[in-house]
Amino acid sequence: NINFPCNTLIISLLVISPYYLFLSNYARPYTLLLLLCLLSSYLAYLLIRSDFKKKTLIISYIILSTAVAYTHYFGTLVVASQAIYLVCECYINKNLKKNILKIFLIELAIALLFMPWFLVLLFQMQVRFSRLEENEAFRYFNLQAIRDLILFFGPGYSRSTIYSTLNIIASSTQFLLFASGGYYL
């Protein structure tokens, strides 16, 4: 092929071009998001087929759906649509009463695993759009109040450092109290 050296040169220049390297950084999370969405949707389908009886499928679905939510903020919409799909399929199959608690616990586990990133989302909204509350864009939605409420009930938190010894001890104590309360319930 006569054009082989020319094509190789053009491809080589494209590969090392700063512009394309810059744009490739945007494409990476979306391909991962697409892969994780496909896998978690397939696991949601398998959960319906197995009637929520296989624990390995449930655990895999929780892990993959949490990864979807962590990959991109819009992944939470995919997880929410999968929850609606699970409820609708159980309703159609006439086993909603039997599986509604399982679906709720699965989605609650995903929400609890996503909670630390939700705090980051609130911080980012407050930093990036600091004038939203001043301009009354969120008339009945106070980001500072929601963040403080979540942090109050969250793991041991202080404004100085999250990883101090006192916070680790407080977090461990809160976790043990929560686990023992759940056991006694």
N, C-alpha and C. Protein backbone atom coordinates (compact mmCIF):
# COMPACT_ATOMS: atom_id res chain seq x y z
N ASN A 1 0.84 -1.17 0.00
CA ASN A 1 0.00 0.00 0.00
C ASN A 1 0.89 1.24 0.00
N ILE A 2 0.68 2.15 -0.94
CA ILE A 2 1.51 3.35 -1.08
C ILE A 2 1.24 4.34 0.05
N ASN A 3 0.01 4.40 0.54
CA ASN A 3 -0.36 5.37 1.57
C ASN A 3 -0.02 4.92 2.99
N PHE A 4 0.59 3.77 3.12
CA PHE A 4 0.87 3.24 4.46
C PHE A 4 1.72 4.18 5.31
N PRO A 5 2.86 4.73 4.83
CA PRO A 5 3.63 5.65 5.68
C PRO A 5 2.84 6.91 6.04
N CYS A 6 2.05 7.41 5.10
CA CYS A 6 1.26 8.61 5.36
C CYS A 6 0.19 8.35 6.42
N ASN A 7 -0.50 7.22 6.29
CA ASN A 7 -1.52 6.86 7.29
C ASN A 7 -0.90 6.66 8.66
N THR A 8 0.24 6.03 8.71
CA THR A 8 0.92 5.80 9.98
C THR A 8 1.31 7.12 10.62
N LEU A 9 1.80 8.04 9.82
CA LEU A 9 2.18 9.35 10.34
C LEU A 9 0.97 10.10 10.88
N ILE A 10 -0.13 10.07 10.14
CA ILE A 10 -1.35 10.77 10.59
C ILE A 10 -1.87 10.14 11.89
N ILE A 11 -1.91 8.83 11.97
CA ILE A 11 -2.38 8.14 13.17
C ILE A 11 -1.46 8.43 14.35
N SER A 12 -0.17 8.44 14.10
CA SER A 12 0.80 8.74 15.17
C SER A 12 0.61 10.16 15.69
N LEU A 13 0.39 11.10 14.79
CA LEU A 13 0.17 12.48 15.23
C LEU A 13 -1.15 12.61 16.00
N LEU A 14 -2.17 11.88 15.58
CA LEU A 14 -3.44 11.92 16.30
C LEU A 14 -3.30 11.33 17.71
N VAL A 15 -2.50 10.27 17.81
CA VAL A 15 -2.36 9.60 19.10
C VAL A 15 -1.66 10.49 20.12
N ILE A 16 -0.68 11.27 19.68
CA ILE A 16 0.06 12.11 20.63
C ILE A 16 -0.46 13.54 20.66
N SER A 17 -1.52 13.82 19.92
CA SER A 17 -2.08 15.17 19.91
C SER A 17 -2.65 15.53 21.28
N PRO A 18 -2.27 16.65 21.86
CA PRO A 18 -2.80 17.04 23.18
C PRO A 18 -4.32 17.23 23.16
N TYR A 19 -4.84 17.69 22.03
CA TYR A 19 -6.29 17.90 21.93
C TYR A 19 -7.05 16.58 22.10
N TYR A 20 -6.63 15.55 21.40
CA TYR A 20 -7.31 14.26 21.48
C TYR A 20 -7.05 13.57 22.82
N LEU A 21 -5.87 13.78 23.38
CA LEU A 21 -5.61 13.24 24.72
C LEU A 21 -6.52 13.92 25.75
N PHE A 22 -6.72 15.22 25.59
CA PHE A 22 -7.61 15.95 26.49
C PHE A 22 -9.05 15.43 26.38
N LEU A 23 -9.52 15.24 25.14
CA LEU A 23 -10.89 14.75 24.94
C LEU A 23 -11.06 13.30 25.38
N SER A 24 -10.00 12.51 25.31
CA SER A 24 -10.12 11.11 25.72
C SER A 24 -10.38 10.98 27.21
N ASN A 25 -9.96 11.97 28.00
CA ASN A 25 -10.24 11.94 29.43
C ASN A 25 -11.73 12.06 29.72
N TYR A 26 -12.47 12.72 28.83
CA TYR A 26 -13.90 12.81 29.00
C TYR A 26 -14.60 11.51 28.64
N ALA A 27 -14.04 10.76 27.72
CA ALA A 27 -14.70 9.56 27.23
C ALA A 27 -14.56 8.39 28.20
N ARG A 28 -13.51 8.37 29.01
CA ARG A 28 -13.28 7.21 29.88
C ARG A 28 -14.41 6.91 30.85
N PRO A 29 -14.90 7.88 31.63
CA PRO A 29 -15.97 7.53 32.57
C PRO A 29 -17.25 7.09 31.89
N TYR A 30 -17.52 7.59 30.68
CA TYR A 30 -18.76 7.23 30.01
C TYR A 30 -18.73 5.79 29.51
N THR A 31 -17.58 5.33 29.04
CA THR A 31 -17.50 3.93 28.62
C THR A 31 -17.61 3.01 29.81
N LEU A 32 -16.99 3.38 30.92
CA LEU A 32 -17.13 2.57 32.14
C LEU A 32 -18.57 2.59 32.64
N LEU A 33 -19.19 3.77 32.59
CA LEU A 33 -20.60 3.87 33.00
C LEU A 33 -21.48 2.99 32.14
N LEU A 34 -21.27 3.00 30.85
CA LEU A 34 -22.07 2.17 29.95
C LEU A 34 -21.87 0.69 30.25
N LEU A 35 -20.65 0.26 30.46
CA LEU A 35 -20.39 -1.14 30.78
C LEU A 35 -21.06 -1.54 32.10
N LEU A 36 -20.90 -0.72 33.12
CA LEU A 36 -21.50 -1.04 34.42
C LEU A 36 -23.03 -1.02 34.36
N CYS A 37 -23.59 -0.09 33.59
CA CYS A 37 -25.06 -0.05 33.43
C CYS A 37 -25.57 -1.31 32.75
N LEU A 38 -24.87 -1.75 31.72
CA LEU A 38 -25.29 -2.98 31.04
C LEU A 38 -25.20 -4.19 31.97
N LEU A 39 -24.10 -4.28 32.72
CA LEU A 39 -23.95 -5.42 33.64
C LEU A 39 -24.98 -5.39 34.76
N SER A 40 -25.23 -4.22 35.35
CA SER A 40 -26.21 -4.17 36.44
C SER A 40 -27.62 -4.40 35.91
N SER A 41 -27.92 -3.93 34.69
CA SER A 41 -29.24 -4.20 34.12
C SER A 41 -29.43 -5.69 33.84
N TYR A 42 -28.37 -6.32 33.39
CA TYR A 42 -28.44 -7.77 33.17
C TYR A 42 -28.64 -8.50 34.49
N LEU A 43 -27.96 -8.05 35.55
CA LEU A 43 -28.16 -8.68 36.86
C LEU A 43 -29.56 -8.43 37.40
N ALA A 44 -30.13 -7.25 37.11
CA ALA A 44 -31.52 -7.00 37.51
C ALA A 44 -32.46 -7.96 36.80
N TYR A 45 -32.20 -8.22 35.54
CA TYR A 45 -32.99 -9.19 34.78
C TYR A 45 -32.84 -10.59 35.38
N LEU A 46 -31.60 -10.96 35.73
CA LEU A 46 -31.38 -12.28 36.34
C LEU A 46 -32.02 -12.39 37.72
N LEU A 47 -32.08 -11.28 38.45
CA LEU A 47 -32.76 -11.29 39.75
C LEU A 47 -34.24 -11.62 39.59
N ILE A 48 -34.86 -11.03 38.58
CA ILE A 48 -36.28 -11.32 38.32
C ILE A 48 -36.46 -12.78 37.92
N ARG A 49 -35.57 -13.26 37.07
CA ARG A 49 -35.67 -14.65 36.61
C ARG A 49 -35.48 -15.64 37.75
N SER A 50 -34.59 -15.32 38.70
CA SER A 50 -34.33 -16.24 39.81
C SER A 50 -35.27 -16.01 40.98
N ASP A 51 -36.16 -15.01 40.86
CA ASP A 51 -37.12 -14.68 41.92
C ASP A 51 -36.42 -14.31 43.23
N PHE A 52 -35.28 -13.63 43.13
CA PHE A 52 -34.51 -13.12 44.27
C PHE A 52 -34.04 -14.22 45.21
N LYS A 53 -33.79 -15.42 44.69
CA LYS A 53 -33.40 -16.54 45.55
C LYS A 53 -31.89 -16.73 45.63
N LYS A 54 -31.14 -16.21 44.67
CA LYS A 54 -29.69 -16.40 44.67
C LYS A 54 -29.02 -15.21 45.33
N LYS A 55 -28.37 -15.47 46.47
CA LYS A 55 -27.73 -14.39 47.22
C LYS A 55 -26.53 -13.81 46.49
N THR A 56 -25.85 -14.63 45.70
CA THR A 56 -24.70 -14.11 44.96
C THR A 56 -25.15 -13.09 43.91
N LEU A 57 -26.32 -13.32 43.30
CA LEU A 57 -26.85 -12.34 42.35
C LEU A 57 -27.23 -11.04 43.05
N ILE A 58 -27.82 -11.15 44.21
CA ILE A 58 -28.22 -9.96 44.96
C ILE A 58 -27.00 -9.14 45.35
N ILE A 59 -25.98 -9.80 45.88
CA ILE A 59 -24.76 -9.09 46.28
C ILE A 59 -24.05 -8.49 45.08
N SER A 60 -23.99 -9.23 43.98
CA SER A 60 -23.36 -8.70 42.76
C SER A 60 -24.13 -7.50 42.23
N TYR A 61 -25.45 -7.57 42.27
CA TYR A 61 -26.26 -6.45 41.81
C TYR A 61 -26.04 -5.21 42.67
N ILE A 62 -25.96 -5.40 43.98
CA ILE A 62 -25.72 -4.26 44.88
C ILE A 62 -24.36 -3.63 44.59
N ILE A 63 -23.35 -4.45 44.41
CA ILE A 63 -22.00 -3.92 44.15
C ILE A 63 -21.95 -3.19 42.81
N LEU A 64 -22.51 -3.80 41.77
CA LEU A 64 -22.47 -3.16 40.45
C LEU A 64 -23.33 -1.89 40.40
N SER A 65 -24.47 -1.90 41.04
CA SER A 65 -25.32 -0.71 41.03
C SER A 65 -24.68 0.42 41.82
N THR A 66 -24.00 0.10 42.89
CA THR A 66 -23.26 1.12 43.63
C THR A 66 -22.12 1.68 42.78
N ALA A 67 -21.46 0.81 42.03
CA ALA A 67 -20.40 1.26 41.14
C ALA A 67 -20.96 2.16 40.04
N VAL A 68 -22.15 1.86 39.55
CA VAL A 68 -22.79 2.71 38.55
C VAL A 68 -23.02 4.10 39.13
N ALA A 69 -23.54 4.16 40.35
CA ALA A 69 -23.81 5.45 40.97
C ALA A 69 -22.52 6.23 41.25
N TYR A 70 -21.46 5.53 41.61
CA TYR A 70 -20.19 6.20 41.86
C TYR A 70 -19.49 6.65 40.58
N THR A 71 -19.75 5.99 39.47
CA THR A 71 -19.07 6.33 38.23
C THR A 71 -19.51 7.70 37.71
N HIS A 72 -20.80 7.98 37.77
CA HIS A 72 -21.31 9.26 37.28
C HIS A 72 -22.58 9.58 38.04
N TYR A 73 -22.82 10.87 38.25
CA TYR A 73 -24.02 11.27 38.98
C TYR A 73 -25.29 10.77 38.30
N PHE A 74 -25.30 10.77 36.98
CA PHE A 74 -26.49 10.32 36.27
C PHE A 74 -26.70 8.82 36.39
N GLY A 75 -25.71 8.11 36.90
CA GLY A 75 -25.88 6.68 37.15
C GLY A 75 -26.96 6.41 38.19
N THR A 76 -27.20 7.37 39.07
CA THR A 76 -28.27 7.20 40.05
C THR A 76 -29.63 7.08 39.37
N LEU A 77 -29.78 7.76 38.23
CA LEU A 77 -31.04 7.64 37.49
C LEU A 77 -31.20 6.25 36.90
N VAL A 78 -30.10 5.64 36.49
CA VAL A 78 -30.15 4.27 35.97
C VAL A 78 -30.54 3.31 37.09
N VAL A 79 -29.94 3.49 38.26
CA VAL A 79 -30.25 2.62 39.41
C VAL A 79 -31.71 2.80 39.81
N ALA A 80 -32.20 4.03 39.79
CA ALA A 80 -33.61 4.27 40.13
C ALA A 80 -34.54 3.63 39.11
N SER A 81 -34.17 3.70 37.83
CA SER A 81 -35.02 3.06 36.82
C SER A 81 -34.99 1.54 36.95
N GLN A 82 -33.86 0.98 37.37
CA GLN A 82 -33.81 -0.46 37.61
C GLN A 82 -34.69 -0.85 38.79
N ALA A 83 -34.74 -0.01 39.81
CA ALA A 83 -35.62 -0.29 40.94
C ALA A 83 -37.09 -0.29 40.50
N ILE A 84 -37.45 0.66 39.66
CA ILE A 84 -38.81 0.70 39.12
C ILE A 84 -39.08 -0.55 38.28
N TYR A 85 -38.08 -0.95 37.50
CA TYR A 85 -38.21 -2.17 36.69
C TYR A 85 -38.45 -3.39 37.58
N LEU A 86 -37.69 -3.50 38.67
CA LEU A 86 -37.86 -4.65 39.56
C LEU A 86 -39.25 -4.68 40.16
N VAL A 87 -39.75 -3.52 40.58
CA VAL A 87 -41.09 -3.47 41.17
C VAL A 87 -42.15 -3.80 40.13
N CYS A 88 -42.01 -3.23 38.94
CA CYS A 88 -43.01 -3.49 37.88
C CYS A 88 -43.02 -4.96 37.46
N GLU A 89 -41.86 -5.56 37.33
CA GLU A 89 -41.80 -6.97 36.94
C GLU A 89 -42.39 -7.87 38.03
N CYS A 90 -42.13 -7.54 39.28
CA CYS A 90 -42.74 -8.34 40.36
C CYS A 90 -44.25 -8.15 40.38
N TYR A 91 -44.72 -6.96 40.07
CA TYR A 91 -46.16 -6.72 40.01
C TYR A 91 -46.79 -7.51 38.86
N ILE A 92 -46.13 -7.52 37.72
CA ILE A 92 -46.65 -8.27 36.56
C ILE A 92 -46.65 -9.76 36.84
N ASN A 93 -45.61 -10.24 37.50
CA ASN A 93 -45.51 -11.68 37.83
C ASN A 93 -46.33 -12.07 39.05
N LYS A 94 -47.03 -11.11 39.64
CA LYS A 94 -47.91 -11.33 40.79
C LYS A 94 -47.17 -11.89 42.01
N ASN A 95 -45.93 -11.45 42.21
CA ASN A 95 -45.21 -11.81 43.42
C ASN A 95 -44.60 -10.58 44.07
N LEU A 96 -45.31 -9.46 43.96
CA LEU A 96 -44.82 -8.21 44.53
C LEU A 96 -44.82 -8.25 46.06
N LYS A 97 -45.87 -8.82 46.66
CA LYS A 97 -45.94 -8.88 48.12
C LYS A 97 -44.79 -9.69 48.69
N LYS A 98 -44.39 -10.72 47.97
CA LYS A 98 -43.31 -11.58 48.45
C LYS A 98 -41.94 -10.91 48.31
N ASN A 99 -41.77 -10.08 47.30
CA ASN A 99 -40.44 -9.54 46.99
C ASN A 99 -40.26 -8.06 47.27
N ILE A 100 -41.30 -7.35 47.69
CA ILE A 100 -41.17 -5.90 47.88
C ILE A 100 -40.17 -5.56 48.98
N LEU A 101 -40.13 -6.36 50.04
CA LEU A 101 -39.17 -6.10 51.12
C LEU A 101 -37.73 -6.34 50.64
N LYS A 102 -37.54 -7.37 49.82
CA LYS A 102 -36.21 -7.64 49.28
C LYS A 102 -35.75 -6.49 48.38
N ILE A 103 -36.65 -6.02 47.53
CA ILE A 103 -36.30 -4.90 46.65
C ILE A 103 -35.97 -3.67 47.48
N PHE A 104 -36.76 -3.39 48.49
CA PHE A 104 -36.51 -2.23 49.35
C PHE A 104 -35.15 -2.35 50.03
N LEU A 105 -34.83 -3.52 50.57
CA LEU A 105 -33.55 -3.70 51.26
C LEU A 105 -32.37 -3.60 50.30
N ILE A 106 -32.54 -4.10 49.08
CA ILE A 106 -31.48 -3.98 48.08
C ILE A 106 -31.22 -2.51 47.75
N GLU A 107 -32.28 -1.77 47.50
CA GLU A 107 -32.13 -0.35 47.16
C GLU A 107 -31.63 0.46 48.35
N LEU A 108 -32.02 0.07 49.56
CA LEU A 108 -31.51 0.74 50.76
C LEU A 108 -30.01 0.51 50.92
N ALA A 109 -29.57 -0.70 50.64
CA ALA A 109 -28.13 -1.00 50.72
C ALA A 109 -27.35 -0.16 49.71
N ILE A 110 -27.89 -0.03 48.50
CA ILE A 110 -27.23 0.79 47.49
C ILE A 110 -27.19 2.25 47.93
N ALA A 111 -28.29 2.73 48.48
CA ALA A 111 -28.34 4.13 48.94
C ALA A 111 -27.36 4.38 50.07
N LEU A 112 -27.26 3.45 51.01
CA LEU A 112 -26.31 3.62 52.11
C LEU A 112 -24.87 3.58 51.63
N LEU A 113 -24.59 2.72 50.66
CA LEU A 113 -23.23 2.67 50.11
C LEU A 113 -22.91 3.93 49.30
N PHE A 114 -23.93 4.57 48.74
CA PHE A 114 -23.72 5.79 47.95
C PHE A 114 -23.67 7.04 48.81
N MET A 115 -24.06 6.95 50.07
CA MET A 115 -24.18 8.13 50.93
C MET A 115 -22.90 8.96 51.04
N PRO A 116 -21.70 8.37 51.16
CA PRO A 116 -20.51 9.24 51.22
C PRO A 116 -20.33 10.08 49.95
N TRP A 117 -20.65 9.53 48.80
CA TRP A 117 -20.52 10.30 47.57
C TRP A 117 -21.62 11.35 47.47
N PHE A 118 -22.77 11.10 48.07
CA PHE A 118 -23.84 12.09 48.10
C PHE A 118 -23.39 13.32 48.87
N LEU A 119 -22.62 13.10 49.93
CA LEU A 119 -22.08 14.23 50.69
C LEU A 119 -21.12 15.05 49.82
N VAL A 120 -20.30 14.37 49.04
CA VAL A 120 -19.40 15.06 48.12
C VAL A 120 -20.21 15.87 47.11
N LEU A 121 -21.30 15.29 46.63
CA LEU A 121 -22.16 15.99 45.68
C LEU A 121 -22.73 17.27 46.31
N LEU A 122 -23.16 17.18 47.57
CA LEU A 122 -23.68 18.37 48.23
C LEU A 122 -22.60 19.43 48.41
N PHE A 123 -21.38 19.00 48.79
CA PHE A 123 -20.27 19.94 48.92
C PHE A 123 -19.98 20.62 47.59
N GLN A 124 -19.94 19.83 46.50
CA GLN A 124 -19.64 20.39 45.19
C GLN A 124 -20.72 21.36 44.73
N MET A 125 -21.98 21.03 45.00
CA MET A 125 -23.06 21.95 44.63
C MET A 125 -22.92 23.27 45.37
N GLN A 126 -22.53 23.17 46.64
CA GLN A 126 -22.42 24.39 47.43
C GLN A 126 -21.22 25.22 47.00
N VAL A 127 -20.12 24.57 46.63
CA VAL A 127 -18.93 25.31 46.22
C VAL A 127 -19.10 25.88 44.81
N ARG A 128 -19.55 25.04 43.88
CA ARG A 128 -19.67 25.49 42.49
C ARG A 128 -20.79 26.50 42.29
N PHE A 129 -21.88 26.31 43.00
CA PHE A 129 -23.04 27.17 42.82
C PHE A 129 -23.36 27.84 44.16
N SER A 130 -22.39 28.56 44.70
CA SER A 130 -22.55 29.12 46.04
C SER A 130 -23.63 30.19 46.09
N ARG A 131 -23.97 30.78 44.97
CA ARG A 131 -24.95 31.85 44.98
C ARG A 131 -26.38 31.34 44.77
N LEU A 132 -26.55 30.01 44.67
CA LEU A 132 -27.90 29.48 44.45
C LEU A 132 -28.82 29.81 45.62
N GLU A 133 -28.32 29.63 46.83
CA GLU A 133 -29.18 29.89 47.99
C GLU A 133 -29.42 31.38 48.18
N GLU A 134 -28.40 32.20 47.87
CA GLU A 134 -28.57 33.65 48.02
C GLU A 134 -29.59 34.20 47.04
N ASN A 135 -29.63 33.63 45.84
CA ASN A 135 -30.57 34.10 44.82
C ASN A 135 -31.91 33.38 44.91
N GLU A 136 -32.09 32.61 45.94
CA GLU A 136 -33.33 31.86 46.19
C GLU A 136 -33.68 30.93 45.04
N ALA A 137 -32.65 30.34 44.43
CA ALA A 137 -32.91 29.34 43.40
C ALA A 137 -33.51 28.10 44.03
N PHE A 138 -33.05 27.80 45.25
CA PHE A 138 -33.63 26.71 46.03
C PHE A 138 -34.37 27.35 47.20
N ARG A 139 -35.56 27.80 46.97
CA ARG A 139 -36.27 28.53 48.01
C ARG A 139 -36.50 27.69 49.26
N TYR A 140 -36.84 26.43 49.11
CA TYR A 140 -37.13 25.58 50.25
C TYR A 140 -36.09 24.47 50.40
N PHE A 141 -34.91 24.68 49.85
CA PHE A 141 -33.88 23.65 49.83
C PHE A 141 -32.57 24.28 50.29
N ASN A 142 -32.18 24.01 51.54
CA ASN A 142 -30.98 24.61 52.10
C ASN A 142 -29.87 23.56 52.11
N LEU A 143 -28.87 23.74 51.26
CA LEU A 143 -27.78 22.76 51.15
C LEU A 143 -27.01 22.61 52.46
N GLN A 144 -26.74 23.71 53.12
CA GLN A 144 -25.97 23.67 54.37
C GLN A 144 -26.72 22.87 55.43
N ALA A 145 -28.03 23.08 55.54
CA ALA A 145 -28.82 22.37 56.54
C ALA A 145 -28.86 20.87 56.24
N ILE A 146 -29.02 20.50 54.97
CA ILE A 146 -29.05 19.08 54.60
C ILE A 146 -27.70 18.42 54.87
N ARG A 147 -26.61 19.11 54.49
CA ARG A 147 -25.28 18.56 54.72
C ARG A 147 -25.01 18.37 56.21
N ASP A 148 -25.34 19.37 57.03
CA ASP A 148 -25.12 19.25 58.47
C ASP A 148 -25.98 18.15 59.08
N LEU A 149 -27.21 17.99 58.60
CA LEU A 149 -28.08 16.93 59.11
C LEU A 149 -27.50 15.56 58.80
N ILE A 150 -27.03 15.36 57.57
CA ILE A 150 -26.45 14.07 57.19
C ILE A 150 -25.17 13.80 57.97
N LEU A 151 -24.34 14.82 58.12
CA LEU A 151 -23.09 14.64 58.85
C LEU A 151 -23.33 14.39 60.33
N PHE A 152 -24.41 14.95 60.88
CA PHE A 152 -24.72 14.73 62.29
C PHE A 152 -25.04 13.27 62.55
N PHE A 153 -25.76 12.62 61.63
CA PHE A 153 -26.11 11.23 61.81
C PHE A 153 -25.11 10.29 61.16
N GLY A 154 -24.12 10.83 60.48
CA GLY A 154 -23.14 10.01 59.79
C GLY A 154 -22.04 9.54 60.72
N PRO A 155 -20.99 8.96 60.15
CA PRO A 155 -19.87 8.53 60.97
C PRO A 155 -19.23 9.73 61.63
N GLY A 156 -18.47 9.48 62.70
CA GLY A 156 -17.86 10.54 63.48
C GLY A 156 -17.19 11.57 62.60
N TYR A 157 -17.62 12.79 62.70
CA TYR A 157 -17.16 13.84 61.79
C TYR A 157 -16.76 15.05 62.59
N SER A 158 -15.63 15.59 62.26
CA SER A 158 -15.27 16.89 62.82
C SER A 158 -14.75 17.73 61.67
N ARG A 159 -14.85 19.01 61.80
CA ARG A 159 -14.44 19.88 60.71
C ARG A 159 -12.92 19.94 60.55
N SER A 160 -12.18 19.46 61.57
CA SER A 160 -10.72 19.53 61.46
C SER A 160 -10.19 18.43 60.55
N THR A 161 -10.54 17.20 60.85
CA THR A 161 -10.08 16.09 60.01
C THR A 161 -11.02 14.91 60.18
N ILE A 162 -11.25 14.21 59.11
CA ILE A 162 -12.16 13.06 59.17
C ILE A 162 -11.43 11.84 59.69
N TYR A 163 -10.13 11.74 59.49
CA TYR A 163 -9.39 10.53 59.84
C TYR A 163 -8.65 10.63 61.17
N SER A 164 -9.10 11.48 62.07
CA SER A 164 -8.44 11.55 63.37
C SER A 164 -8.81 10.32 64.20
N THR A 165 -8.03 10.07 65.22
CA THR A 165 -8.27 8.90 66.08
C THR A 165 -9.64 8.98 66.73
N LEU A 166 -10.01 10.15 67.20
CA LEU A 166 -11.31 10.32 67.84
C LEU A 166 -12.45 10.00 66.88
N ASN A 167 -12.34 10.42 65.64
CA ASN A 167 -13.39 10.13 64.66
C ASN A 167 -13.46 8.65 64.32
N ILE A 168 -12.33 7.99 64.26
CA ILE A 168 -12.33 6.55 63.98
C ILE A 168 -12.98 5.80 65.14
N ILE A 169 -12.68 6.19 66.37
CA ILE A 169 -13.30 5.56 67.54
C ILE A 169 -14.81 5.83 67.55
N ALA A 170 -15.20 7.08 67.27
CA ALA A 170 -16.63 7.42 67.25
C ALA A 170 -17.36 6.66 66.14
N SER A 171 -16.74 6.56 64.98
CA SER A 171 -17.36 5.83 63.88
C SER A 171 -17.52 4.35 64.21
N SER A 172 -16.49 3.76 64.83
CA SER A 172 -16.57 2.35 65.20
C SER A 172 -17.65 2.12 66.24
N THR A 173 -17.75 3.02 67.21
CA THR A 173 -18.78 2.90 68.24
C THR A 173 -20.17 3.02 67.63
N GLN A 174 -20.34 3.99 66.72
CA GLN A 174 -21.64 4.14 66.07
C GLN A 174 -22.00 2.91 65.26
N PHE A 175 -21.03 2.35 64.57
CA PHE A 175 -21.29 1.16 63.78
C PHE A 175 -21.67 -0.02 64.68
N LEU A 176 -20.96 -0.20 65.80
CA LEU A 176 -21.28 -1.30 66.72
C LEU A 176 -22.67 -1.11 67.33
N LEU A 177 -23.01 0.11 67.70
CA LEU A 177 -24.35 0.36 68.24
C LEU A 177 -25.43 0.10 67.20
N PHE A 178 -25.17 0.51 65.97
CA PHE A 178 -26.14 0.27 64.90
C PHE A 178 -26.29 -1.23 64.62
N ALA A 179 -25.19 -1.95 64.60
CA ALA A 179 -25.23 -3.40 64.35
C ALA A 179 -25.93 -4.13 65.49
N SER A 180 -25.63 -3.75 66.72
CA SER A 180 -26.28 -4.45 67.85
C SER A 180 -27.77 -4.11 67.91
N GLY A 181 -28.13 -2.88 67.56
CA GLY A 181 -29.55 -2.52 67.51
C GLY A 181 -30.28 -3.30 66.44
N GLY A 182 -29.65 -3.46 65.28
CA GLY A 182 -30.24 -4.26 64.21
C GLY A 182 -30.38 -5.71 64.59
N TYR A 183 -29.40 -6.22 65.34
CA TYR A 183 -29.46 -7.62 65.78
C TYR A 183 -30.63 -7.83 66.73
N TYR A 184 -30.82 -6.90 67.66
CA TYR A 184 -31.89 -7.07 68.63
C TYR A 184 -33.27 -6.83 68.02
N LEU A 185 -33.33 -6.05 66.94
CA LEU A 185 -34.62 -5.87 66.26
C LEU A 185 -35.05 -7.16 65.59
